[in-house]
Amino acid sequence: MYDILIIGAGITGTFLARDLARYDLRIALLDKEDDIACGATMANSAIVHSGHDPKPGTFKARFNVRGNELYEDICRELGVAFKRCSALVVAASPEEEANLDILQRQALDRNVPVRRLNREEALALEPHLADSVTEALELSSTGIITPWEVAIALAEEAVLNQSDLFLSHRVESIETLPPAGDNDCPQKSRFRVTARTPDGQTHTFDARYVIDAAGVYADQIYAMVSPAQADPATRRFSITPRKGEYFVIDHEETPLFQRVIYPVPSEKGKGVLVVPTIHNNLLIGPNSDFIDDKEDVGNTAQALSYVREQVSKTAKDLPFHKVIRNFSGLRPTGDTHDFVIEEAADVPGFILVAAIESPGLSAAPAISEYVIHTLLAPKLSLVPRTDYKRRRPFLSLKDVSPAEYNEKIRENPAFGHIVCRCEQITEGEVLDAIHRPAGARTIKGVKKRCRPGMGRCQGGFCEPLITEILCRELGLTPQELLHMTDDCLQKGGACQ
């Protein structure tokens, strides 16, 4: 039996798993995908927003500001990259300048650092702003991360501290279990969760509490235990996926833009952005289109054309001839217009962490803090672990001295074998990505941990080599690599 079972291994679910693993609790983290951070956490703008934008009085505003405060120290603890790159919100008309007034007041009310700039001052910071830009707000506390790197690091630390990770487990049903008589035992399971793996096997998990952090599927997961939620006439909330599409521009030693560039926001969200990444690429996007299919992450010519058109209103000289990839992501947009974070009124012990769209990435550490200390602490005995273990950061030989590099090769010749030419990734780094707590089990899993395939050729050279290494290390054929069984996942999870 688990004390807490978390459904969804995105940024919110992994923050909850890691933070709960600090206590003497039995934790399980389930996800239907074959790796951590395969949904919205894998495909977003990668910004830790300052908190200037959300409407006053919302969870979004509250947790965005607090999350921004927490991120830098958390990333330092985890050994992952965080950069306060700053941001400009740019206006191009008197109407938009009036909206800057509102955003500036909101920022000041929330103690978010903010500075108003005229056109000349803004151009001094970012010379490639569009000719139409008249004024800007500078938001110096804005940061950038690599979202999946943070989520993977959080999951690793949870697993190191005795939490159980179950990937490729699609939840099919949740039963509420009967009480243990007249005087209900607080240690008794309240829920039985049944999940199915790709090989058709079903597995059941009993838990005292369930946290629903299932992204675009959170409304459907809740409906498994709530008759009211299952009825459209009485449901607490519903989630509609909102697709955003992006361009990725090849990395440069000095990207064209050093700061995030926002247009003045609209009812559709923050608008089409220019975003420098941790690895000196530029992201251009997203659009914002509601769709019906919760699995549709394809790109369309129409949407990408819209992104190019809109970004021209804030930025110029963008090197679209250097685009190396397009991608899209789905925001789990709720009809409540705010995060849904609460214990379900009709299902005691079922914790909703739903509709976590932007600024969900920025808010995630604060959401976890709130769920644990406000919703769970009154119900659970939170006894801190005395033997809490820290993860070891990913190996990156690009960041070491030549002497350290040579020493690594002497320790293991695999560090002298380059498998990704674009990103200069060695076989030794790939092996490290595989043989870790919550290690990589797929090509994309390796890509997310140590970047082979992230460069200009997008895996054209290295993907066959990565496939060969994965098959050799996991004892699989290439066909089995595409259809891994639950047994392979459990066996792999023991490698540390």
Protein backbone atom coordinates (compact mmCIF):
# COMPACT_ATOMS: atom_id res chain seq x y z
CA MET A 1 0.00 0.00 0.00
CA TYR A 2 1.17 3.51 -0.82
CA ASP A 3 0.58 6.56 1.31
CA ILE A 4 0.33 8.72 -1.82
CA LEU A 5 0.00 7.77 -5.48
CA ILE A 6 0.65 10.53 -8.03
CA ILE A 7 -0.79 10.24 -11.54
CA GLY A 8 1.31 12.17 -14.03
CA ALA A 9 5.11 12.48 -14.27
CA GLY A 10 5.28 15.98 -15.70
CA ILE A 11 6.83 18.94 -13.93
CA THR A 12 4.05 19.17 -11.33
CA GLY A 13 3.93 15.45 -10.58
CA THR A 14 7.71 15.15 -10.29
CA PHE A 15 7.94 18.17 -7.99
CA LEU A 16 5.33 16.54 -5.76
CA ALA A 17 7.14 13.19 -5.85
CA ARG A 18 10.51 14.71 -4.97
CA ASP A 19 9.14 16.98 -2.25
CA LEU A 20 7.08 14.19 -0.67
CA ALA A 21 10.13 11.89 -0.79
CA ARG A 22 11.70 14.13 1.86
CA TYR A 23 9.31 12.51 4.34
CA ASP A 24 8.92 8.99 5.65
CA LEU A 25 6.13 8.09 3.22
CA ARG A 26 5.54 5.44 0.58
CA ILE A 27 5.19 7.24 -2.74
CA ALA A 28 4.31 5.94 -6.21
CA LEU A 29 4.50 8.00 -9.41
CA LEU A 30 2.61 6.67 -12.45
CA ASP A 31 2.60 7.86 -16.05
CA LYS A 32 1.13 6.39 -19.23
CA GLU A 33 4.19 7.41 -21.29
CA ASP A 34 7.50 5.57 -21.55
CA ASP A 35 9.50 8.36 -19.93
CA ILE A 36 9.24 11.30 -17.58
CA ALA A 37 8.08 14.67 -18.95
CA CYS A 38 6.53 13.55 -22.24
CA GLY A 39 3.53 15.91 -22.25
CA ALA A 40 3.32 19.66 -21.69
CA THR A 41 6.63 19.59 -19.79
CA MET A 42 8.40 18.42 -22.94
CA ALA A 43 6.87 21.06 -25.22
CA ASN A 44 6.56 24.59 -23.86
CA SER A 45 8.38 27.91 -23.85
CA ALA A 46 10.78 26.90 -21.02
CA ILE A 47 10.32 30.21 -19.19
CA VAL A 48 10.16 30.83 -15.45
CA HIS A 49 7.87 33.84 -15.73
CA SER A 50 8.24 36.74 -13.31
CA GLY A 51 4.57 36.67 -12.25
CA HIS A 52 3.60 40.05 -13.70
CA ASP A 53 0.84 38.74 -15.97
CA PRO A 54 -1.78 36.49 -14.24
CA LYS A 55 -5.01 38.06 -13.04
CA PRO A 56 -4.99 39.27 -9.43
CA GLY A 57 -6.42 36.94 -6.84
CA THR A 58 -5.82 33.75 -8.81
CA PHE A 59 -3.76 30.70 -7.97
CA LYS A 60 -1.84 31.48 -11.16
CA ALA A 61 -0.70 34.86 -9.81
CA ARG A 62 0.07 33.57 -6.32
CA PHE A 63 2.03 30.49 -7.32
CA ASN A 64 3.83 32.09 -10.27
CA VAL A 65 5.48 34.70 -8.05
CA ARG A 66 6.34 32.16 -5.36
CA GLY A 67 7.60 29.61 -7.89
CA ASN A 68 9.93 32.17 -9.44
CA GLU A 69 11.37 32.84 -5.97
CA LEU A 70 12.00 29.13 -5.37
CA TYR A 71 13.41 27.97 -8.70
CA GLU A 72 16.98 29.19 -8.57
CA ASP A 73 17.84 27.47 -5.28
CA ILE A 74 16.02 24.28 -6.32
CA CYS A 75 17.94 24.08 -9.59
CA ARG A 76 21.20 24.62 -7.71
CA GLU A 77 20.29 21.77 -5.34
CA LEU A 78 19.43 19.46 -8.25
CA GLY A 79 22.50 20.38 -10.31
CA VAL A 80 20.48 21.57 -13.33
CA ALA A 81 20.74 24.80 -15.28
CA PHE A 82 18.82 27.96 -14.40
CA LYS A 83 19.45 31.40 -15.88
CA ARG A 84 17.84 34.74 -15.05
CA CYS A 85 17.86 36.12 -18.56
CA SER A 86 15.33 38.97 -18.01
CA ALA A 87 12.45 39.77 -20.36
CA LEU A 88 10.88 42.65 -22.24
CA VAL A 89 7.14 43.09 -22.75
CA VAL A 90 6.94 45.35 -25.81
CA ALA A 91 4.17 47.68 -26.94
CA ALA A 92 3.56 48.97 -30.46
CA SER A 93 0.55 51.28 -30.08
CA PRO A 94 -1.04 53.68 -27.57
CA GLU A 95 -3.53 50.92 -26.63
CA GLU A 96 -0.73 48.50 -25.90
CA GLU A 97 1.15 51.16 -23.92
CA ALA A 98 -1.96 51.50 -21.73
CA ASN A 99 -1.83 47.74 -21.15
CA LEU A 100 1.81 48.11 -20.07
CA ASP A 101 0.52 50.47 -17.36
CA ILE A 102 -1.71 47.68 -16.02
CA LEU A 103 1.08 45.09 -16.12
CA GLN A 104 3.49 47.48 -14.43
CA ARG A 105 1.04 48.11 -11.58
CA GLN A 106 0.47 44.38 -11.16
CA ALA A 107 4.21 43.74 -11.04
CA LEU A 108 4.73 46.46 -8.43
CA ASP A 109 1.82 45.15 -6.34
CA ARG A 110 3.48 41.70 -6.32
CA ASN A 111 7.02 42.98 -5.60
CA VAL A 112 8.12 41.77 -9.02
CA PRO A 113 11.11 43.81 -10.25
CA VAL A 114 9.97 45.97 -13.18
CA ARG A 115 11.31 48.95 -15.14
CA ARG A 116 9.59 51.03 -17.85
CA LEU A 117 11.71 51.67 -20.95
CA ASN A 118 11.27 54.01 -23.89
CA ARG A 119 12.11 52.80 -27.38
CA GLU A 120 15.75 53.90 -27.25
CA GLU A 121 16.33 52.22 -23.90
CA ALA A 122 14.71 49.01 -25.12
CA LEU A 123 16.80 49.01 -28.31
CA ALA A 124 19.96 49.46 -26.28
CA LEU A 125 19.17 46.12 -24.62
CA GLU A 126 17.77 44.30 -27.68
CA PRO A 127 18.75 45.96 -30.99
CA HIS A 128 16.60 43.60 -33.09
CA LEU A 129 13.23 44.68 -31.73
CA ALA A 130 10.70 45.44 -34.47
CA ASP A 131 10.54 48.97 -35.88
CA SER A 132 7.00 49.31 -34.56
CA VAL A 133 7.99 48.90 -30.89
CA THR A 134 7.44 52.10 -28.91
CA GLU A 135 7.87 51.15 -25.24
CA ALA A 136 8.70 48.13 -23.08
CA LEU A 137 8.63 46.75 -19.57
CA GLU A 138 11.81 45.07 -18.37
CA LEU A 139 11.22 42.12 -16.01
CA SER A 140 14.64 41.19 -14.70
CA SER A 141 13.56 38.22 -12.56
CA THR A 142 12.40 36.21 -15.61
CA GLY A 143 14.36 32.98 -15.96
CA ILE A 144 14.82 30.04 -18.30
CA ILE A 145 15.33 26.34 -17.63
CA THR A 146 15.28 23.10 -19.58
CA PRO A 147 11.92 21.79 -18.29
CA TRP A 148 12.39 18.08 -18.93
CA GLU A 149 15.86 18.19 -17.38
CA VAL A 150 14.34 19.58 -14.17
CA ALA A 151 11.52 17.00 -14.16
CA ILE A 152 13.92 14.11 -14.75
CA ALA A 153 16.21 15.36 -11.97
CA LEU A 154 13.24 15.58 -9.59
CA ALA A 155 12.14 12.04 -10.47
CA GLU A 156 15.66 10.72 -10.01
CA GLU A 157 15.85 12.21 -6.55
CA ALA A 158 12.44 10.78 -5.65
CA VAL A 159 13.54 7.31 -6.79
CA LEU A 160 16.82 7.61 -4.87
CA ASN A 161 14.71 8.20 -1.78
CA GLN A 162 12.59 5.05 -2.09
CA SER A 163 9.74 6.35 -4.23
CA ASP A 164 8.52 3.93 -6.91
CA LEU A 165 8.27 5.05 -10.56
CA PHE A 166 5.95 3.21 -12.92
CA LEU A 167 6.21 4.32 -16.53
CA SER A 168 4.08 2.97 -19.40
CA HIS A 169 1.23 2.51 -16.91
CA ARG A 170 -2.01 3.93 -18.29
CA VAL A 171 -4.64 4.34 -15.56
CA GLU A 172 -7.82 2.52 -16.57
CA SER A 173 -9.92 2.70 -13.40
CA ILE A 174 -9.91 3.99 -9.84
CA GLU A 175 -12.07 2.42 -7.15
CA THR A 176 -12.91 4.04 -3.85
CA LEU A 177 -12.55 1.41 -1.18
CA PRO A 178 -15.06 0.97 1.65
CA PRO A 179 -14.19 2.33 5.12
CA ALA A 180 -12.80 -0.03 7.76
CA GLY A 181 -15.96 -0.10 9.85
CA ASP A 182 -17.52 2.46 12.15
CA ASN A 183 -14.17 3.92 13.19
CA ASP A 184 -12.33 4.31 9.92
CA CYS A 185 -8.64 3.45 10.22
CA PRO A 186 -6.52 6.37 8.95
CA GLN A 187 -3.88 3.93 7.71
CA LYS A 188 -6.29 2.08 5.43
CA SER A 189 -6.21 2.48 1.66
CA ARG A 190 -8.99 4.59 0.24
CA PHE A 191 -8.27 3.93 -3.44
CA ARG A 192 -7.41 1.07 -5.76
CA VAL A 193 -5.87 2.23 -9.03
CA THR A 194 -5.72 -0.17 -11.97
CA ALA A 195 -3.26 0.55 -14.77
CA ARG A 196 -2.44 -1.28 -18.00
CA THR A 197 0.99 -1.68 -19.57
CA PRO A 198 1.70 -1.91 -23.32
CA ASP A 199 1.97 -5.72 -23.19
CA GLY A 200 -1.65 -5.91 -21.97
CA GLN A 201 -0.93 -6.68 -18.32
CA THR A 202 -2.91 -4.92 -15.61
CA HIS A 203 -1.48 -3.86 -12.27
CA THR A 204 -3.29 -2.59 -9.19
CA PHE A 205 -2.04 -0.09 -6.64
CA ASP A 206 -3.67 0.67 -3.30
CA ALA A 207 -3.17 4.12 -1.82
CA ARG A 208 -4.44 6.29 1.01
CA TYR A 209 -4.33 9.42 -1.14
CA VAL A 210 -4.28 9.97 -4.89
CA ILE A 211 -2.98 13.15 -6.53
CA ASP A 212 -4.38 13.79 -9.99
CA ALA A 213 -1.65 15.64 -11.92
CA ALA A 214 -2.52 14.08 -15.26
CA GLY A 215 -2.29 17.14 -17.51
CA VAL A 216 -4.80 17.19 -20.36
CA TYR A 217 -6.37 14.02 -18.93
CA ALA A 218 -6.87 15.28 -15.37
CA ASP A 219 -10.60 15.85 -15.87
CA GLN A 220 -11.05 12.29 -17.14
CA ILE A 221 -9.01 10.79 -14.29
CA TYR A 222 -11.19 12.64 -11.78
CA ALA A 223 -14.33 11.34 -13.52
CA MET A 224 -13.18 7.79 -12.69
CA VAL A 225 -13.98 8.41 -9.01
CA SER A 226 -16.60 11.16 -9.19
CA PRO A 227 -20.08 10.58 -10.63
CA ALA A 228 -20.62 14.34 -10.56
CA GLN A 229 -17.48 14.93 -12.63
CA ALA A 230 -18.54 12.24 -15.10
CA ASP A 231 -21.78 14.12 -15.80
CA PRO A 232 -21.29 17.18 -18.07
CA ALA A 233 -24.13 18.93 -16.27
CA THR A 234 -22.49 18.76 -12.84
CA ARG A 235 -18.76 18.41 -13.47
CA ARG A 236 -16.32 20.52 -11.45
CA PHE A 237 -14.23 21.42 -14.49
CA SER A 238 -13.28 20.26 -17.95
CA ILE A 239 -10.00 20.48 -19.81
CA THR A 240 -9.59 21.32 -23.48
CA PRO A 241 -6.15 20.99 -25.06
CA ARG A 242 -4.80 24.24 -26.48
CA LYS A 243 -2.09 23.66 -29.05
CA GLY A 244 0.97 25.85 -29.42
CA GLU A 245 3.49 25.44 -32.25
CA TYR A 246 7.11 26.55 -32.31
CA PHE A 247 10.21 27.03 -34.43
CA VAL A 248 13.61 26.02 -33.02
CA ILE A 249 16.53 28.03 -34.41
CA ASP A 250 20.01 26.52 -34.36
CA HIS A 251 22.16 27.55 -31.43
CA GLU A 252 24.71 30.33 -31.76
CA GLU A 253 27.56 31.36 -29.50
CA THR A 254 25.66 34.63 -29.06
CA PRO A 255 21.95 34.33 -29.88
CA LEU A 256 20.23 37.22 -31.65
CA PHE A 257 18.18 37.90 -28.51
CA GLN A 258 19.47 37.60 -24.96
CA ARG A 259 16.11 38.19 -23.25
CA VAL A 260 12.61 36.79 -23.57
CA ILE A 261 10.52 39.06 -25.81
CA TYR A 262 6.79 39.15 -25.03
CA PRO A 263 4.11 41.03 -26.92
CA VAL A 264 1.40 42.65 -24.80
CA PRO A 265 -0.76 39.66 -23.72
CA SER A 266 -4.28 39.02 -25.00
CA GLU A 267 -7.18 36.76 -24.08
CA LYS A 268 -5.29 33.96 -25.89
CA GLY A 269 -2.36 34.15 -23.51
CA LYS A 270 1.11 35.62 -23.54
CA GLY A 271 1.29 35.64 -27.33
CA VAL A 272 4.05 34.66 -29.77
CA LEU A 273 7.40 34.93 -27.99
CA VAL A 274 11.09 35.00 -28.75
CA VAL A 275 12.89 32.88 -26.15
CA PRO A 276 16.63 32.23 -25.76
CA THR A 277 17.24 28.76 -24.36
CA ILE A 278 19.78 27.42 -21.90
CA HIS A 279 21.72 25.97 -24.85
CA ASN A 280 21.66 29.19 -26.93
CA ASN A 281 18.93 28.21 -29.36
CA LEU A 282 16.00 30.52 -29.99
CA LEU A 283 12.39 29.36 -29.65
CA ILE A 284 9.81 31.25 -31.70
CA GLY A 285 6.16 30.66 -30.76
CA PRO A 286 3.57 29.60 -29.81
CA ASN A 287 0.20 30.12 -31.41
CA SER A 288 -2.87 29.24 -29.34
CA ASP A 289 -5.57 27.03 -30.86
CA PHE A 290 -8.16 24.94 -29.02
CA ILE A 291 -8.39 21.42 -30.42
CA ASP A 292 -10.39 18.28 -29.62
CA ASP A 293 -7.71 15.58 -29.84
CA LYS A 294 -5.67 15.26 -26.64
CA GLU A 295 -2.92 13.43 -28.53
CA ASP A 296 -2.56 15.80 -31.53
CA VAL A 297 0.93 17.30 -31.40
CA GLY A 298 1.46 17.64 -35.14
CA ASN A 299 2.56 20.83 -36.86
CA THR A 300 0.59 22.67 -39.53
CA ALA A 301 1.74 25.11 -42.19
CA GLN A 302 -1.11 27.46 -41.28
CA ALA A 303 -0.13 27.68 -37.61
CA LEU A 304 3.57 28.13 -38.32
CA SER A 305 2.77 30.87 -40.83
CA TYR A 306 0.73 32.60 -38.13
CA VAL A 307 3.68 32.39 -35.70
CA ARG A 308 6.01 34.03 -38.27
CA GLU A 309 3.50 36.77 -38.97
CA GLN A 310 2.87 37.57 -35.31
CA VAL A 311 6.49 37.56 -34.18
CA SER A 312 7.35 40.13 -36.88
CA LYS A 313 5.38 42.65 -34.79
CA THR A 314 7.90 42.44 -31.95
CA ALA A 315 11.19 41.26 -33.48
CA LYS A 316 13.07 41.56 -36.76
CA ASP A 317 16.02 39.86 -38.47
CA LEU A 318 15.08 36.46 -37.06
CA PRO A 319 17.15 33.80 -38.87
CA PHE A 320 14.36 31.49 -40.04
CA HIS A 321 16.83 29.99 -42.53
CA LYS A 322 18.50 28.40 -39.48
CA VAL A 323 15.40 26.57 -38.23
CA ILE A 324 16.34 23.01 -37.26
CA ARG A 325 13.03 21.79 -35.91
CA ASN A 326 9.34 22.52 -35.40
CA PHE A 327 7.34 21.13 -32.51
CA SER A 328 4.04 21.62 -30.76
CA GLY A 329 2.71 21.18 -27.26
CA LEU A 330 -0.70 21.00 -25.62
CA ARG A 331 -1.68 23.24 -22.71
CA PRO A 332 -4.25 21.64 -20.36
CA THR A 333 -6.65 24.59 -20.38
CA GLY A 334 -9.47 24.41 -17.86
CA ASP A 335 -12.83 26.13 -18.15
CA THR A 336 -12.28 27.60 -14.65
CA HIS A 337 -9.66 30.06 -16.03
CA ASP A 338 -7.40 29.19 -13.10
CA PHE A 339 -5.54 26.21 -11.69
CA VAL A 340 -7.74 23.65 -9.91
CA ILE A 341 -5.84 22.71 -6.74
CA GLU A 342 -7.97 21.22 -3.98
CA GLU A 343 -9.15 18.08 -2.28
CA ALA A 344 -12.18 16.91 -4.26
CA ALA A 345 -15.29 17.91 -2.33
CA ASP A 346 -17.07 14.67 -3.22
CA VAL A 347 -14.10 12.27 -2.93
CA PRO A 348 -12.13 12.63 0.33
CA GLY A 349 -8.44 11.91 -0.15
CA PHE A 350 -8.47 12.63 -3.90
CA ILE A 351 -6.31 15.70 -4.55
CA LEU A 352 -6.86 17.66 -7.75
CA VAL A 353 -3.86 19.37 -9.31
CA ALA A 354 -5.46 20.16 -12.63
CA ALA A 355 -5.72 22.75 -15.41
CA ILE A 356 -2.03 23.54 -14.91
CA GLU A 357 -1.47 25.59 -18.05
CA SER A 358 0.83 28.63 -18.28
CA PRO A 359 2.31 29.73 -15.91
CA GLY A 360 2.26 26.13 -14.67
CA LEU A 361 5.96 25.50 -15.27
CA SER A 362 6.86 28.61 -13.28
CA ALA A 363 4.37 27.77 -10.54
CA ALA A 364 5.21 24.08 -10.13
CA PRO A 365 7.45 24.27 -7.04
CA ALA A 366 4.96 26.54 -5.28
CA ILE A 367 2.05 24.25 -6.22
CA SER A 368 3.90 21.34 -4.65
CA GLU A 369 4.60 23.38 -1.53
CA TYR A 370 0.91 24.30 -1.20
CA VAL A 371 -0.40 20.77 -1.80
CA ILE A 372 1.95 19.26 0.77
CA HIS A 373 1.73 21.84 3.53
CA THR A 374 -1.87 23.04 3.14
CA LEU A 375 -3.80 20.05 1.75
CA LEU A 376 -1.85 17.02 2.99
CA ALA A 377 -0.04 18.06 6.17
CA PRO A 378 -3.25 18.25 8.27
CA LYS A 379 -4.04 14.66 7.26
CA LEU A 380 -0.63 12.96 7.21
CA SER A 381 2.24 12.64 9.60
CA LEU A 382 5.11 14.33 7.75
CA VAL A 383 8.22 12.94 9.42
CA PRO A 384 11.38 14.14 7.58
CA ARG A 385 13.79 11.47 6.36
CA THR A 386 17.11 11.47 8.17
CA ASP A 387 18.92 9.79 5.25
CA TYR A 388 17.74 11.91 2.31
CA LYS A 389 19.95 11.33 -0.76
CA ARG A 390 20.96 13.87 -3.39
CA ARG A 391 21.20 12.99 -7.07
CA ARG A 392 24.41 13.22 -9.05
CA PRO A 393 24.14 15.76 -11.92
CA PHE A 394 24.28 14.54 -15.51
CA LEU A 395 27.75 14.20 -16.97
CA SER A 396 28.61 16.86 -19.56
CA LEU A 397 32.13 16.61 -20.91
CA LYS A 398 31.73 19.88 -22.82
CA ASP A 399 31.89 21.63 -19.46
CA VAL A 400 35.14 20.11 -18.16
CA SER A 401 38.78 20.95 -18.70
CA PRO A 402 40.94 18.98 -21.17
CA ALA A 403 42.73 17.35 -18.24
CA GLU A 404 39.43 16.19 -16.72
CA TYR A 405 38.26 14.99 -20.13
CA ASN A 406 41.40 12.89 -20.59
CA GLU A 407 41.01 11.47 -17.10
CA LYS A 408 37.47 10.37 -17.95
CA ILE A 409 38.75 8.60 -21.06
CA ARG A 410 41.41 6.83 -18.99
CA GLU A 411 38.67 5.68 -16.59
CA ASN A 412 36.41 4.52 -19.41
CA PRO A 413 37.36 4.57 -23.13
CA ALA A 414 33.66 5.07 -23.98
CA PHE A 415 34.18 8.74 -23.10
CA GLY A 416 36.53 8.97 -26.05
CA HIS A 417 33.87 7.81 -28.55
CA ILE A 418 31.78 10.66 -29.97
CA VAL A 419 28.30 9.46 -30.92
CA CYS A 420 26.67 12.86 -31.57
CA ARG A 421 28.77 15.17 -33.68
CA CYS A 422 26.45 18.17 -33.48
CA GLU A 423 26.38 18.30 -29.68
CA GLN A 424 29.71 16.50 -29.08
CA ILE A 425 28.14 13.80 -26.89
CA THR A 426 30.17 10.70 -26.05
CA GLU A 427 29.13 7.09 -25.61
CA GLY A 428 30.11 7.40 -21.95
CA GLU A 429 27.54 10.14 -21.43
CA VAL A 430 24.89 8.00 -23.12
CA LEU A 431 25.75 5.08 -20.84
CA ASP A 432 25.44 7.37 -17.83
CA ALA A 433 21.99 8.50 -19.04
CA ILE A 434 20.86 4.86 -19.23
CA HIS A 435 22.37 3.53 -15.99
CA ARG A 436 20.90 6.03 -13.55
CA PRO A 437 17.90 6.02 -11.24
CA ALA A 438 14.92 6.52 -13.59
CA GLY A 439 17.36 6.11 -16.47
CA ALA A 440 16.64 6.43 -20.20
CA ARG A 441 14.89 3.50 -21.89
CA THR A 442 14.18 5.08 -25.28
CA ILE A 443 15.94 7.16 -27.92
CA LYS A 444 14.02 10.23 -26.82
CA GLY A 445 14.84 9.43 -23.20
CA VAL A 446 18.57 9.54 -23.98
CA LYS A 447 18.05 12.72 -26.00
CA LYS A 448 16.37 14.44 -23.06
CA ARG A 449 19.11 13.50 -20.59
CA CYS A 450 22.29 14.24 -22.53
CA ARG A 451 21.22 15.89 -25.84
CA PRO A 452 22.23 13.57 -28.71
CA GLY A 453 19.82 14.46 -31.50
CA MET A 454 19.23 18.01 -30.25
CA GLY A 455 21.62 19.59 -32.74
CA ARG A 456 21.53 20.64 -36.36
CA CYS A 457 21.06 17.21 -37.91
CA GLN A 458 18.35 16.25 -35.37
CA GLY A 459 19.61 12.72 -34.93
CA GLY A 460 20.40 11.94 -38.56
CA PHE A 461 23.89 10.76 -37.61
CA CYS A 462 23.57 9.63 -33.99
CA GLU A 463 20.16 7.97 -33.77
CA PRO A 464 21.32 4.60 -35.17
CA LEU A 465 24.24 4.65 -32.71
CA ILE A 466 21.95 5.48 -29.80
CA THR A 467 19.64 2.64 -30.84
CA GLU A 468 22.58 0.24 -30.90
CA ILE A 469 23.78 1.32 -27.44
CA LEU A 470 20.30 1.09 -25.90
CA CYS A 471 19.70 -2.38 -27.33
CA ARG A 472 23.08 -3.59 -26.14
CA GLU A 473 22.70 -2.18 -22.63
CA LEU A 474 19.09 -3.23 -22.12
CA GLY A 475 19.35 -6.59 -23.89
CA LEU A 476 16.73 -5.69 -26.50
CA THR A 477 16.28 -5.94 -30.24
CA PRO A 478 15.46 -2.72 -32.13
CA GLN A 479 11.87 -3.96 -32.46
CA GLU A 480 11.63 -4.59 -28.72
CA LEU A 481 13.01 -1.12 -28.06
CA LEU A 482 9.87 0.28 -29.69
CA HIS A 483 7.53 -2.04 -27.76
CA MET A 484 9.11 -2.48 -24.38
CA THR A 485 7.36 -4.62 -21.80
CA ASP A 486 6.75 -3.79 -18.20
CA ASP A 487 9.38 -6.35 -17.21
CA CYS A 488 12.04 -4.40 -19.10
CA LEU A 489 11.02 -1.20 -17.37
CA GLN A 490 11.16 -2.74 -13.92
CA LYS A 491 14.50 -4.41 -14.61
CA GLY A 492 15.92 -1.16 -15.96
CA GLY A 493 14.66 0.82 -12.98
CA ALA A 494 17.03 -1.09 -10.72
CA CYS A 495 20.14 0.12 -12.56
CA GLN A 496 21.95 2.77 -10.53
